[in-house]
Amino acid sequence: VVFGTVVFAMFSGFYFWWPKWTGKMLNERLGKIHFWLLFIGFHTTFLVQHWLGVLGMPRRYATYQPEDGFTWMNQLSTVGAMILGVSMVPFIFNI
């Protein structure tokens, strides 16, 4: 939750101030793509981790047993983290 608040606030501030600092307008379409990929990646990563905790997955373990049944949700969370990484591509192209 803290990650999302800080990161979304940071990017919104960047999108607001960048044109004022540089005089270069940012592409709105790339900005929207960046927002939605970041939003989906964030929720796919961290909401799934919340559900895993509710279901009883222990924290701070180096490995998890496949028979615990948490594997597919951990893999889904990993996909969300990859989407978070990919969401930076339109941002980089936009600046």
PDB file of N, CA and C in Angstrom:
ATOM      1  N   VAL A   1       0.832  -1.188   0.000  1.00  0.00           N
ATOM      2  CA  VAL A   1       0.000   0.000   0.000  1.00  0.00           C
ATOM      3  C   VAL A   1       0.876   1.251   0.000  1.00  0.00           C
ATOM      4  N   VAL A   2       1.914   1.264   0.803  1.00  0.00           N
ATOM      5  CA  VAL A   2       2.794   2.429   0.854  1.00  0.00           C
ATOM      6  C   VAL A   2       3.509   2.605  -0.485  1.00  0.00           C
ATOM      7  N   PHE A   3       3.924   1.503  -1.092  1.00  0.00           N
ATOM      8  CA  PHE A   3       4.588   1.565  -2.397  1.00  0.00           C
ATOM      9  C   PHE A   3       3.706   2.283  -3.410  1.00  0.00           C
ATOM     10  N   GLY A   4       2.457   1.873  -3.494  1.00  0.00           N
ATOM     11  CA  GLY A   4       1.555   2.466  -4.472  1.00  0.00           C
ATOM     12  C   GLY A   4       1.342   3.944  -4.252  1.00  0.00           C
ATOM     13  N   THR A   5       1.149   4.328  -3.007  1.00  0.00           N
ATOM     14  CA  THR A   5       0.924   5.734  -2.695  1.00  0.00           C
ATOM     15  C   THR A   5       2.111   6.587  -3.106  1.00  0.00           C
ATOM     16  N   VAL A   6       3.292   6.164  -2.728  1.00  0.00           N
ATOM     17  CA  VAL A   6       4.500   6.943  -3.016  1.00  0.00           C
ATOM     18  C   VAL A   6       4.793   6.971  -4.514  1.00  0.00           C
ATOM     19  N   VAL A   7       4.725   5.835  -5.159  1.00  0.00           N
ATOM     20  CA  VAL A   7       5.079   5.768  -6.581  1.00  0.00           C
ATOM     21  C   VAL A   7       4.069   6.518  -7.445  1.00  0.00           C
ATOM     22  N   PHE A   8       2.784   6.329  -7.180  1.00  0.00           N
ATOM     23  CA  PHE A   8       1.783   7.048  -7.971  1.00  0.00           C
ATOM     24  C   PHE A   8       1.881   8.552  -7.740  1.00  0.00           C
ATOM     25  N   ALA A   9       2.135   8.972  -6.514  1.00  0.00           N
ATOM     26  CA  ALA A   9       2.305  10.404  -6.236  1.00  0.00           C
ATOM     27  C   ALA A   9       3.551  10.949  -6.929  1.00  0.00           C
ATOM     28  N   MET A  10       4.624  10.168  -6.930  1.00  0.00           N
ATOM     29  CA  MET A  10       5.858  10.600  -7.576  1.00  0.00           C
ATOM     30  C   MET A  10       5.643  10.796  -9.085  1.00  0.00           C
ATOM     31  N   PHE A  11       4.997   9.823  -9.722  1.00  0.00           N
ATOM     32  CA  PHE A  11       4.776   9.940 -11.162  1.00  0.00           C
ATOM     33  C   PHE A  11       3.788  11.052 -11.493  1.00  0.00           C
ATOM     34  N   SER A  12       2.763  11.237 -10.680  1.00  0.00           N
ATOM     35  CA  SER A  12       1.826  12.327 -10.970  1.00  0.00           C
ATOM     36  C   SER A  12       2.529  13.677 -10.848  1.00  0.00           C
ATOM     37  N   GLY A  13       3.391  13.809  -9.848  1.00  0.00           N
ATOM     38  CA  GLY A  13       4.174  15.035  -9.728  1.00  0.00           C
ATOM     39  C   GLY A  13       5.103  15.228 -10.908  1.00  0.00           C
ATOM     40  N   PHE A  14       5.710  14.140 -11.357  1.00  0.00           N
ATOM     41  CA  PHE A  14       6.609  14.224 -12.518  1.00  0.00           C
ATOM     42  C   PHE A  14       5.847  14.676 -13.759  1.00  0.00           C
ATOM     43  N   TYR A  15       4.687  14.054 -14.006  1.00  0.00           N
ATOM     44  CA  TYR A  15       3.904  14.415 -15.185  1.00  0.00           C
ATOM     45  C   TYR A  15       3.396  15.853 -15.103  1.00  0.00           C
ATOM     46  N   PHE A  16       3.186  16.359 -13.904  1.00  0.00           N
ATOM     47  CA  PHE A  16       2.750  17.749 -13.749  1.00  0.00           C
ATOM     48  C   PHE A  16       3.905  18.724 -13.948  1.00  0.00           C
ATOM     49  N   TRP A  17       5.064  18.437 -13.331  1.00  0.00           N
ATOM     50  CA  TRP A  17       6.161  19.400 -13.316  1.00  0.00           C
ATOM     51  C   TRP A  17       7.097  19.315 -14.518  1.00  0.00           C
ATOM     52  N   TRP A  18       7.228  18.164 -15.154  1.00  0.00           N
ATOM     53  CA  TRP A  18       8.179  18.009 -16.259  1.00  0.00           C
ATOM     54  C   TRP A  18       7.970  19.047 -17.365  1.00  0.00           C
ATOM     55  N   PRO A  19       6.727  19.250 -17.849  1.00  0.00           N
ATOM     56  CA  PRO A  19       6.555  20.273 -18.895  1.00  0.00           C
ATOM     57  C   PRO A  19       6.896  21.683 -18.412  1.00  0.00           C
ATOM     58  N   LYS A  20       6.688  21.964 -17.153  1.00  0.00           N
ATOM     59  CA  LYS A  20       7.001  23.294 -16.620  1.00  0.00           C
ATOM     60  C   LYS A  20       8.513  23.504 -16.522  1.00  0.00           C
ATOM     61  N   TRP A  21       9.252  22.450 -16.182  1.00  0.00           N
ATOM     62  CA  TRP A  21      10.709  22.550 -16.059  1.00  0.00           C
ATOM     63  C   TRP A  21      11.400  22.605 -17.412  1.00  0.00           C
ATOM     64  N   THR A  22      10.928  21.763 -18.335  1.00  0.00           N
ATOM     65  CA  THR A  22      11.648  21.609 -19.600  1.00  0.00           C
ATOM     66  C   THR A  22      10.999  22.330 -20.771  1.00  0.00           C
ATOM     67  N   GLY A  23       9.713  22.653 -20.677  1.00  0.00           N
ATOM     68  CA  GLY A  23       9.004  23.242 -21.805  1.00  0.00           C
ATOM     69  C   GLY A  23       8.569  22.212 -22.831  1.00  0.00           C
ATOM     70  N   LYS A  24       8.841  20.929 -22.585  1.00  0.00           N
ATOM     71  CA  LYS A  24       8.476  19.848 -23.505  1.00  0.00           C
ATOM     72  C   LYS A  24       7.223  19.154 -22.980  1.00  0.00           C
ATOM     73  N   MET A  25       6.173  19.166 -23.788  1.00  0.00           N
ATOM     74  CA  MET A  25       4.941  18.485 -23.401  1.00  0.00           C
ATOM     75  C   MET A  25       5.121  16.978 -23.561  1.00  0.00           C
ATOM     76  N   LEU A  26       4.535  16.238 -22.654  1.00  0.00           N
ATOM     77  CA  LEU A  26       4.602  14.784 -22.711  1.00  0.00           C
ATOM     78  C   LEU A  26       3.424  14.243 -23.513  1.00  0.00           C
ATOM     79  N   ASN A  27       3.627  13.084 -24.115  1.00  0.00           N
ATOM     80  CA  ASN A  27       2.595  12.437 -24.910  1.00  0.00           C
ATOM     81  C   ASN A  27       1.526  11.867 -23.975  1.00  0.00           C
ATOM     82  N   GLU A  28       0.282  12.302 -24.160  1.00  0.00           N
ATOM     83  CA  GLU A  28      -0.802  11.861 -23.279  1.00  0.00           C
ATOM     84  C   GLU A  28      -1.087  10.367 -23.430  1.00  0.00           C
ATOM     85  N   ARG A  29      -1.009   9.864 -24.655  1.00  0.00           N
ATOM     86  CA  ARG A  29      -1.283   8.440 -24.884  1.00  0.00           C
ATOM     87  C   ARG A  29      -0.262   7.566 -24.156  1.00  0.00           C
ATOM     88  N   LEU A  30       1.024   7.904 -24.262  1.00  0.00           N
ATOM     89  CA  LEU A  30       2.051   7.143 -23.542  1.00  0.00           C
ATOM     90  C   LEU A  30       1.861   7.266 -22.033  1.00  0.00           C
ATOM     91  N   GLY A  31       1.433   8.431 -21.573  1.00  0.00           N
ATOM     92  CA  GLY A  31       1.169   8.614 -20.154  1.00  0.00           C
ATOM     93  C   GLY A  31       0.046   7.724 -19.659  1.00  0.00           C
ATOM     94  N   LYS A  32      -1.009   7.593 -20.458  1.00  0.00           N
ATOM     95  CA  LYS A  32      -2.126   6.721 -20.069  1.00  0.00           C
ATOM     96  C   LYS A  32      -1.718   5.253 -20.092  1.00  0.00           C
ATOM     97  N   ILE A  33      -0.935   4.866 -21.092  1.00  0.00           N
ATOM     98  CA  ILE A  33      -0.434   3.482 -21.139  1.00  0.00           C
ATOM     99  C   ILE A  33       0.418   3.208 -19.909  1.00  0.00           C
ATOM    100  N   HIS A  34       1.285   4.148 -19.568  1.00  0.00           N
ATOM    101  CA  HIS A  34       2.134   3.999 -18.385  1.00  0.00           C
ATOM    102  C   HIS A  34       1.283   3.854 -17.128  1.00  0.00           C
ATOM    103  N   PHE A  35       0.276   4.707 -16.967  1.00  0.00           N
ATOM    104  CA  PHE A  35      -0.578   4.649 -15.786  1.00  0.00           C
ATOM    105  C   PHE A  35      -1.268   3.301 -15.667  1.00  0.00           C
ATOM    106  N   TRP A  36      -1.907   2.851 -16.745  1.00  0.00           N
ATOM    107  CA  TRP A  36      -2.684   1.614 -16.649  1.00  0.00           C
ATOM    108  C   TRP A  36      -1.801   0.393 -16.451  1.00  0.00           C
ATOM    109  N   LEU A  37      -0.646   0.347 -17.085  1.00  0.00           N
ATOM    110  CA  LEU A  37       0.262  -0.778 -16.836  1.00  0.00           C
ATOM    111  C   LEU A  37       0.761  -0.762 -15.397  1.00  0.00           C
ATOM    112  N   LEU A  38       1.092   0.413 -14.887  1.00  0.00           N
ATOM    113  CA  LEU A  38       1.535   0.536 -13.500  1.00  0.00           C
ATOM    114  C   LEU A  38       0.418   0.137 -12.543  1.00  0.00           C
ATOM    115  N   PHE A  39      -0.788   0.580 -12.804  1.00  0.00           N
ATOM    116  CA  PHE A  39      -1.945   0.278 -11.961  1.00  0.00           C
ATOM    117  C   PHE A  39      -2.228  -1.223 -11.933  1.00  0.00           C
ATOM    118  N   ILE A  40      -2.270  -1.832 -13.109  1.00  0.00           N
ATOM    119  CA  ILE A  40      -2.545  -3.271 -13.193  1.00  0.00           C
ATOM    120  C   ILE A  40      -1.407  -4.072 -12.574  1.00  0.00           C
ATOM    121  N   GLY A  41      -0.169  -3.701 -12.870  1.00  0.00           N
ATOM    122  CA  GLY A  41       0.975  -4.412 -12.297  1.00  0.00           C
ATOM    123  C   GLY A  41       1.027  -4.304 -10.791  1.00  0.00           C
ATOM    124  N   PHE A  42       0.753  -3.113 -10.261  1.00  0.00           N
ATOM    125  CA  PHE A  42       0.762  -2.916  -8.811  1.00  0.00           C
ATOM    126  C   PHE A  42      -0.286  -3.791  -8.136  1.00  0.00           C
ATOM    127  N   HIS A  43      -1.510  -3.746  -8.647  1.00  0.00           N
ATOM    128  CA  HIS A  43      -2.576  -4.514  -8.005  1.00  0.00           C
ATOM    129  C   HIS A  43      -2.392  -6.017  -8.194  1.00  0.00           C
ATOM    130  N   THR A  44      -1.876  -6.423  -9.336  1.00  0.00           N
ATOM    131  CA  THR A  44      -1.626  -7.851  -9.548  1.00  0.00           C
ATOM    132  C   THR A  44      -0.531  -8.351  -8.616  1.00  0.00           C
ATOM    133  N   THR A  45       0.455  -7.537  -8.353  1.00  0.00           N
ATOM    134  CA  THR A  45       1.542  -7.948  -7.463  1.00  0.00           C
ATOM    135  C   THR A  45       1.104  -7.951  -6.008  1.00  0.00           C
ATOM    136  N   PHE A  46       0.613  -6.835  -5.527  1.00  0.00           N
ATOM    137  CA  PHE A  46       0.438  -6.669  -4.087  1.00  0.00           C
ATOM    138  C   PHE A  46      -0.918  -7.122  -3.571  1.00  0.00           C
ATOM    139  N   LEU A  47      -1.970  -7.058  -4.375  1.00  0.00           N
ATOM    140  CA  LEU A  47      -3.251  -7.585  -3.923  1.00  0.00           C
ATOM    141  C   LEU A  47      -3.186  -9.101  -3.806  1.00  0.00           C
ATOM    142  N   VAL A  48      -2.489  -9.744  -4.733  1.00  0.00           N
ATOM    143  CA  VAL A  48      -2.305 -11.194  -4.652  1.00  0.00           C
ATOM    144  C   VAL A  48      -1.504 -11.557  -3.401  1.00  0.00           C
ATOM    145  N   GLN A  49      -0.484 -10.768  -3.069  1.00  0.00           N
ATOM    146  CA  GLN A  49       0.280 -11.031  -1.847  1.00  0.00           C
ATOM    147  C   GLN A  49      -0.605 -10.885  -0.610  1.00  0.00           C
ATOM    148  N   HIS A  50      -1.523  -9.938  -0.632  1.00  0.00           N
ATOM    149  CA  HIS A  50      -2.471  -9.794   0.477  1.00  0.00           C
ATOM    150  C   HIS A  50      -3.336 -11.042   0.598  1.00  0.00           C
ATOM    151  N   TRP A  51      -3.866 -11.509  -0.534  1.00  0.00           N
ATOM    152  CA  TRP A  51      -4.700 -12.712  -0.506  1.00  0.00           C
ATOM    153  C   TRP A  51      -3.913 -13.909   0.003  1.00  0.00           C
ATOM    154  N   LEU A  52      -2.659 -14.022  -0.411  1.00  0.00           N
ATOM    155  CA  LEU A  52      -1.826 -15.125   0.077  1.00  0.00           C
ATOM    156  C   LEU A  52      -1.682 -15.067   1.594  1.00  0.00           C
ATOM    157  N   GLY A  53      -1.489 -13.888   2.134  1.00  0.00           N
ATOM    158  CA  GLY A  53      -1.391 -13.750   3.580  1.00  0.00           C
ATOM    159  C   GLY A  53      -2.679 -14.125   4.279  1.00  0.00           C
ATOM    160  N   VAL A  54      -3.805 -13.740   3.700  1.00  0.00           N
ATOM    161  CA  VAL A  54      -5.102 -14.100   4.280  1.00  0.00           C
ATOM    162  C   VAL A  54      -5.289 -15.611   4.264  1.00  0.00           C
ATOM    163  N   LEU A  55      -4.799 -16.258   3.217  1.00  0.00           N
ATOM    164  CA  LEU A  55      -4.925 -17.715   3.110  1.00  0.00           C
ATOM    165  C   LEU A  55      -3.932 -18.468   3.992  1.00  0.00           C
ATOM    166  N   GLY A  56      -3.014 -17.751   4.623  1.00  0.00           N
ATOM    167  CA  GLY A  56      -2.120 -18.390   5.582  1.00  0.00           C
ATOM    168  C   GLY A  56      -0.704 -18.640   5.120  1.00  0.00           C
ATOM    169  N   MET A  57      -0.288 -18.063   4.008  1.00  0.00           N
ATOM    170  CA  MET A  57       1.094 -18.254   3.580  1.00  0.00           C
ATOM    171  C   MET A  57       2.024 -17.521   4.546  1.00  0.00           C
ATOM    172  N   PRO A  58       3.023 -18.218   5.089  1.00  0.00           N
ATOM    173  CA  PRO A  58       3.945 -17.552   6.020  1.00  0.00           C
ATOM    174  C   PRO A  58       4.850 -16.564   5.286  1.00  0.00           C
ATOM    175  N   ARG A  59       5.292 -15.558   6.020  1.00  0.00           N
ATOM    176  CA  ARG A  59       6.178 -14.541   5.458  1.00  0.00           C
ATOM    177  C   ARG A  59       7.631 -14.895   5.727  1.00  0.00           C
ATOM    178  N   ARG A  60       8.509 -14.310   4.921  1.00  0.00           N
ATOM    179  CA  ARG A  60       9.960 -14.378   5.097  1.00  0.00           C
ATOM    180  C   ARG A  60      10.515 -15.807   5.063  1.00  0.00           C
ATOM    181  N   TYR A  61       9.951 -16.630   4.221  1.00  0.00           N
ATOM    182  CA  TYR A  61      10.491 -17.961   4.003  1.00  0.00           C
ATOM    183  C   TYR A  61      11.268 -17.937   2.691  1.00  0.00           C
ATOM    184  N   ALA A  62      12.414 -18.603   2.677  1.00  0.00           N
ATOM    185  CA  ALA A  62      13.227 -18.624   1.457  1.00  0.00           C
ATOM    186  C   ALA A  62      12.591 -19.498   0.382  1.00  0.00           C
ATOM    187  N   THR A  63      11.960 -20.584   0.784  1.00  0.00           N
ATOM    188  CA  THR A  63      11.309 -21.483  -0.175  1.00  0.00           C
ATOM    189  C   THR A  63       9.931 -21.862   0.351  1.00  0.00           C
ATOM    190  N   TYR A  64       9.059 -22.209  -0.580  1.00  0.00           N
ATOM    191  CA  TYR A  64       7.712 -22.643  -0.232  1.00  0.00           C
ATOM    192  C   TYR A  64       7.503 -24.035  -0.795  1.00  0.00           C
ATOM    193  N   GLN A  65       6.797 -24.844  -0.072  1.00  0.00           N
ATOM    194  CA  GLN A  65       6.522 -26.207  -0.516  1.00  0.00           C
ATOM    195  C   GLN A  65       5.397 -26.191  -1.556  1.00  0.00           C
ATOM    196  N   PRO A  66       5.557 -26.942  -2.650  1.00  0.00           N
ATOM    197  CA  PRO A  66       4.505 -26.967  -3.679  1.00  0.00           C
ATOM    198  C   PRO A  66       3.168 -27.481  -3.147  1.00  0.00           C
ATOM    199  N   GLU A  67       3.206 -28.372  -2.181  1.00  0.00           N
ATOM    200  CA  GLU A  67       1.954 -28.933  -1.665  1.00  0.00           C
ATOM    201  C   GLU A  67       1.157 -27.941  -0.811  1.00  0.00           C
ATOM    202  N   ASP A  68       1.738 -26.791  -0.494  1.00  0.00           N
ATOM    203  CA  ASP A  68       1.000 -25.777   0.261  1.00  0.00           C
ATOM    204  C   ASP A  68      -0.094 -25.125  -0.587  1.00  0.00           C
ATOM    205  N   GLY A  69       0.032 -25.188  -1.901  1.00  0.00           N
ATOM    206  CA  GLY A  69      -0.985 -24.645  -2.793  1.00  0.00           C
ATOM    207  C   GLY A  69      -0.855 -23.166  -3.085  1.00  0.00           C
ATOM    208  N   PHE A  70       0.290 -22.569  -2.748  1.00  0.00           N
ATOM    209  CA  PHE A  70       0.469 -21.140  -2.970  1.00  0.00           C
ATOM    210  C   PHE A  70       1.234 -20.833  -4.252  1.00  0.00           C
ATOM    211  N   THR A  71       1.665 -21.852  -4.962  1.00  0.00           N
ATOM    212  CA  THR A  71       2.560 -21.656  -6.104  1.00  0.00           C
ATOM    213  C   THR A  71       1.925 -20.800  -7.194  1.00  0.00           C
ATOM    214  N   TRP A  72       0.710 -21.127  -7.603  1.00  0.00           N
ATOM    215  CA  TRP A  72       0.112 -20.403  -8.728  1.00  0.00           C
ATOM    216  C   TRP A  72      -0.122 -18.935  -8.388  1.00  0.00           C
ATOM    217  N   MET A  73      -0.447 -18.640  -7.135  1.00  0.00           N
ATOM    218  CA  MET A  73      -0.656 -17.234  -6.772  1.00  0.00           C
ATOM    219  C   MET A  73       0.677 -16.485  -6.697  1.00  0.00           C
ATOM    220  N   ASN A  74       1.730 -17.170  -6.254  1.00  0.00           N
ATOM    221  CA  ASN A  74       3.053 -16.543  -6.274  1.00  0.00           C
ATOM    222  C   ASN A  74       3.496 -16.280  -7.709  1.00  0.00           C
ATOM    223  N   GLN A  75       3.185 -17.194  -8.613  1.00  0.00           N
ATOM    224  CA  GLN A  75       3.524 -16.986 -10.018  1.00  0.00           C
ATOM    225  C   GLN A  75       2.732 -15.818 -10.604  1.00  0.00           C
ATOM    226  N   LEU A  76       1.468 -15.692 -10.214  1.00  0.00           N
ATOM    227  CA  LEU A  76       0.657 -14.562 -10.661  1.00  0.00           C
ATOM    228  C   LEU A  76       1.235 -13.248 -10.142  1.00  0.00           C
ATOM    229  N   SER A  77       1.692 -13.247  -8.908  1.00  0.00           N
ATOM    230  CA  SER A  77       2.316 -12.058  -8.336  1.00  0.00           C
ATOM    231  C   SER A  77       3.605 -11.710  -9.080  1.00  0.00           C
ATOM    232  N   THR A  78       4.349 -12.714  -9.495  1.00  0.00           N
ATOM    233  CA  THR A  78       5.566 -12.489 -10.272  1.00  0.00           C
ATOM    234  C   THR A  78       5.240 -11.859 -11.623  1.00  0.00           C
ATOM    235  N   VAL A  79       4.173 -12.316 -12.251  1.00  0.00           N
ATOM    236  CA  VAL A  79       3.739 -11.714 -13.517  1.00  0.00           C
ATOM    237  C   VAL A  79       3.384 -10.245 -13.295  1.00  0.00           C
ATOM    238  N   GLY A  80       2.728  -9.947 -12.179  1.00  0.00           N
ATOM    239  CA  GLY A  80       2.415  -8.558 -11.850  1.00  0.00           C
ATOM    240  C   GLY A  80       3.667  -7.712 -11.699  1.00  0.00           C
ATOM    241  N   ALA A  81       4.697  -8.278 -11.075  1.00  0.00           N
ATOM    242  CA  ALA A  81       5.958  -7.552 -10.925  1.00  0.00           C
ATOM    243  C   ALA A  81       6.609  -7.307 -12.287  1.00  0.00           C
ATOM    244  N   MET A  82       6.478  -8.267 -13.190  1.00  0.00           N
ATOM    245  CA  MET A  82       7.007  -8.072 -14.541  1.00  0.00           C
ATOM    246  C   MET A  82       6.249  -6.963 -15.270  1.00  0.00           C
ATOM    247  N   ILE A  83       4.932  -6.914 -15.069  1.00  0.00           N
ATOM    248  CA  ILE A  83       4.135  -5.839 -15.669  1.00  0.00           C
ATOM    249  C   ILE A  83       4.578  -4.491 -15.111  1.00  0.00           C
ATOM    250  N   LEU A  84       4.889  -4.444 -13.813  1.00  0.00           N
ATOM    251  CA  LEU A  84       5.416  -3.211 -13.217  1.00  0.00           C
ATOM    252  C   LEU A  84       6.692  -2.774 -13.924  1.00  0.00           C
ATOM    253  N   GLY A  85       7.567  -3.726 -14.203  1.00  0.00           N
ATOM    254  CA  GLY A  85       8.804  -3.401 -14.909  1.00  0.00           C
ATOM    255  C   GLY A  85       8.547  -2.907 -16.321  1.00  0.00           C
ATOM    256  N   VAL A  86       7.640  -3.572 -17.022  1.00  0.00           N
ATOM    257  CA  VAL A  86       7.312  -3.190 -18.398  1.00  0.00           C
ATOM    258  C   VAL A  86       6.636  -1.818 -18.436  1.00  0.00           C
ATOM    259  N   SER A  87       5.949  -1.456 -17.360  1.00  0.00           N
ATOM    260  CA  SER A  87       5.251  -0.164 -17.340  1.00  0.00           C
ATOM    261  C   SER A  87       6.214   1.018 -17.401  1.00  0.00           C
ATOM    262  N   MET A  88       7.475   0.783 -17.125  1.00  0.00           N
ATOM    263  CA  MET A  88       8.454   1.870 -17.185  1.00  0.00           C
ATOM    264  C   MET A  88       8.877   2.189 -18.619  1.00  0.00           C
ATOM    265  N   VAL A  89       8.640   1.269 -19.550  1.00  0.00           N
ATOM    266  CA  VAL A  89       9.046   1.478 -20.947  1.00  0.00           C
ATOM    267  C   VAL A  89       8.334   2.689 -21.566  1.00  0.00           C
ATOM    268  N   PRO A  90       6.988   2.787 -21.497  1.00  0.00           N
ATOM    269  CA  PRO A  90       6.364   3.986 -22.068  1.00  0.00           C
ATOM    270  C   PRO A  90       6.784   5.271 -21.354  1.00  0.00           C
ATOM    271  N   PHE A  91       7.069   5.171 -20.070  1.00  0.00           N
ATOM    272  CA  PHE A  91       7.529   6.351 -19.330  1.00  0.00           C
ATOM    273  C   PHE A  91       8.872   6.832 -19.863  1.00  0.00           C
ATOM    274  N   ILE A  92       9.802   5.903 -20.069  1.00  0.00           N
ATOM    275  CA  ILE A  92      11.133   6.257 -20.582  1.00  0.00           C
ATOM    276  C   ILE A  92      11.014   6.861 -21.985  1.00  0.00           C
ATOM    277  N   PHE A  93      10.178   6.255 -22.840  1.00  0.00           N
ATOM    278  CA  PHE A  93       9.997   6.796 -24.191  1.00  0.00           C
ATOM    279  C   PHE A  93       9.330   8.166 -24.160  1.00  0.00           C
ATOM    280  N   ASN A  94       8.531   8.410 -23.150  1.00  0.00           N
ATOM    281  CA  ASN A  94       7.805   9.675 -23.061  1.00  0.00           C
ATOM    282  C   ASN A  94       8.714  10.838 -22.678  1.00  0.00           C
ATOM    283  N   ILE A  95       9.740  10.569 -21.885  1.00  0.00           N
ATOM    284  CA  ILE A  95      10.612  11.668 -21.499  1.00  0.00           C
ATOM    285  C   ILE A  95      11.726  11.819 -22.514  1.00  0.00           C
TER     286      ILE A  95
END
